[in-house]
Amino acid sequence: MDKNEREILLILRTLLALERNFLAEERTCLAEFRTGLAFIVLGPVVGTVLAYIFSSLALEKTLLYDLINFICISIIMGLGIRITLRSRSQLKEIRKKKNALKVRQSEITKSSKVINDLLGDCICIDGLKVNES
């Protein structure tokens, strides 16, 4: 390999490291999304448990306890919806950056025949191989 091809490989190595960072960010956003969904599902469960506790106490102010129960359910589910929507929008941005990075990797790979023969089949954008286009 000549010096130009080594420089191309160094650039590709840097881009692959950046891609790993994007994948880690994507994994974090997906975990956040999963947490938001758990909160959404947890809201009615907490409401049921609170309703059971309040009914077993046989207290006189049931309207107040129903209101407290409703507020708890609303807060938990609202937090879950907020977390889910925020992580979904972050995930869209990360995927756009990751796809732009893949396009850049394919452009750099195509600049050298030796490197394209070596790595050209490995770069996929949205499930399609770059060399098939």
Protein backbone atom coordinates (compact mmCIF):
# COMPACT_ATOMS: atom_id res chain seq x y z
CA MET A 1 0.00 0.00 0.00
CA ASP A 2 1.23 3.43 -0.80
CA LYS A 3 1.05 6.51 1.41
CA ASN A 4 -2.24 7.73 -0.08
CA GLU A 5 -3.99 4.45 0.70
CA ARG A 6 -2.67 4.53 4.28
CA GLU A 7 -4.07 8.01 4.72
CA ILE A 8 -7.43 6.82 3.41
CA LEU A 9 -7.38 3.92 5.87
CA LEU A 10 -6.59 6.34 8.71
CA ILE A 11 -9.57 8.48 7.73
CA LEU A 12 -11.79 5.39 7.54
CA ARG A 13 -10.59 4.27 10.97
CA THR A 14 -11.54 7.67 12.38
CA LEU A 15 -14.96 7.51 10.71
CA LEU A 16 -15.53 4.02 12.08
CA ALA A 17 -14.70 5.26 15.58
CA LEU A 18 -17.22 8.05 15.09
CA GLU A 19 -19.78 5.49 13.94
CA ARG A 20 -19.21 3.50 17.15
CA ASN A 21 -19.93 6.67 19.11
CA PHE A 22 -23.18 7.16 17.19
CA LEU A 23 -24.13 3.55 17.87
CA ALA A 24 -23.53 4.07 21.59
CA GLU A 25 -25.70 7.21 21.52
CA GLU A 26 -28.39 5.29 19.66
CA ARG A 27 -28.29 2.51 22.26
CA THR A 28 -28.66 5.10 25.03
CA CYS A 29 -31.68 6.69 23.31
CA LEU A 30 -33.30 3.29 22.86
CA ALA A 31 -32.81 2.56 26.58
CA GLU A 32 -34.38 5.93 27.37
CA PHE A 33 -37.29 5.09 25.06
CA ARG A 34 -37.74 1.77 26.84
CA THR A 35 -37.76 3.55 30.20
CA GLY A 36 -40.44 5.94 28.98
CA LEU A 37 -42.60 3.04 27.86
CA ALA A 38 -42.13 1.41 31.26
CA PHE A 39 -43.37 4.58 32.96
CA ILE A 40 -46.42 4.68 30.71
CA VAL A 41 -47.27 1.09 31.60
CA LEU A 42 -46.43 1.65 35.28
CA GLY A 43 -48.94 4.53 35.70
CA PRO A 44 -52.14 2.43 35.77
CA VAL A 45 -50.46 -0.17 37.99
CA VAL A 46 -49.55 2.48 40.55
CA GLY A 47 -53.09 3.84 40.33
CA THR A 48 -54.54 0.40 41.00
CA VAL A 49 -52.25 -0.15 43.99
CA LEU A 50 -53.10 3.29 45.42
CA ALA A 51 -56.83 2.66 44.90
CA TYR A 52 -56.52 -0.65 46.73
CA ILE A 53 -54.64 0.95 49.61
CA PHE A 54 -57.11 3.82 49.90
CA SER A 55 -60.11 1.46 49.76
CA SER A 56 -58.67 -0.78 52.47
CA LEU A 57 -58.23 2.18 54.82
CA ALA A 58 -61.96 3.00 54.64
CA LEU A 59 -61.39 6.72 54.96
CA GLU A 60 -64.14 9.30 54.70
CA LYS A 61 -62.60 11.64 52.13
CA THR A 62 -62.65 9.32 49.13
CA LEU A 63 -62.89 12.17 46.62
CA LEU A 64 -59.56 13.57 47.84
CA TYR A 65 -57.91 10.18 47.57
CA ASP A 66 -59.33 9.63 44.09
CA LEU A 67 -57.87 12.99 43.11
CA ILE A 68 -54.47 12.04 44.57
CA ASN A 69 -54.66 8.75 42.69
CA PHE A 70 -55.51 10.50 39.41
CA ILE A 71 -52.66 13.00 39.88
CA CYS A 72 -50.15 10.20 40.52
CA ILE A 73 -51.27 8.31 37.42
CA SER A 74 -51.14 11.50 35.32
CA ILE A 75 -47.66 12.47 36.52
CA ILE A 76 -46.16 9.02 35.95
CA MET A 77 -47.75 8.56 32.53
CA GLY A 78 -46.98 12.15 31.48
CA LEU A 79 -43.34 11.68 32.44
CA GLY A 80 -43.25 8.44 30.44
CA ILE A 81 -44.75 10.09 27.37
CA ARG A 82 -42.32 13.01 27.64
CA ILE A 83 -39.30 10.70 27.93
CA THR A 84 -40.50 8.55 25.03
CA LEU A 85 -41.10 11.47 22.67
CA ARG A 86 -37.82 13.17 23.56
CA SER A 87 -35.78 10.03 23.03
CA ARG A 88 -37.54 9.32 19.75
CA SER A 89 -36.66 12.76 18.36
CA GLN A 90 -33.05 12.34 19.50
CA LEU A 91 -32.95 8.93 17.86
CA LYS A 92 -34.06 10.40 14.52
CA GLU A 93 -31.24 12.96 14.64
CA ILE A 94 -28.64 10.33 15.50
CA ARG A 95 -29.78 8.10 12.64
CA LYS A 96 -29.54 11.01 10.18
CA LYS A 97 -25.96 11.67 11.31
CA LYS A 98 -25.12 7.98 11.12
CA ASN A 99 -26.45 7.72 7.55
CA ALA A 100 -24.46 10.81 6.52
CA LEU A 101 -21.39 9.19 8.01
CA LYS A 102 -22.04 6.00 6.03
CA VAL A 103 -22.31 7.99 2.81
CA ARG A 104 -19.00 9.68 3.61
CA GLN A 105 -17.39 6.30 4.33
CA SER A 106 -18.58 4.93 1.01
CA GLU A 107 -17.22 7.99 -0.84
CA ILE A 108 -13.82 7.59 0.79
CA THR A 109 -13.80 3.85 0.16
CA LYS A 110 -14.55 4.38 -3.55
CA SER A 111 -11.60 6.77 -3.87
CA SER A 112 -9.12 3.87 -3.87
CA LYS A 113 -9.58 0.67 -5.84
CA VAL A 114 -7.58 -1.44 -3.37
CA ILE A 115 -9.59 -0.20 -0.38
CA ASN A 116 -12.87 -0.50 -2.27
CA ASP A 117 -12.04 -4.12 -3.09
CA LEU A 118 -11.17 -4.67 0.58
CA LEU A 119 -14.02 -2.84 2.33
CA GLY A 120 -16.61 -1.97 -0.32
CA ASP A 121 -18.90 -4.90 0.48
CA CYS A 122 -18.94 -4.08 4.20
CA ILE A 123 -20.56 -0.65 4.06
CA CYS A 124 -24.37 -0.72 4.06
CA ILE A 125 -26.70 2.27 4.04
CA ASP A 126 -30.27 1.53 5.18
CA GLY A 127 -29.87 -2.17 4.51
CA LEU A 128 -28.58 -1.71 0.95
CA LYS A 129 -24.99 -2.39 0.03
CA VAL A 130 -23.20 0.61 -1.42
CA ASN A 131 -21.69 -1.29 -4.34
CA GLU A 132 -25.11 -2.49 -5.50
CA SER A 133 -26.26 1.03 -6.39
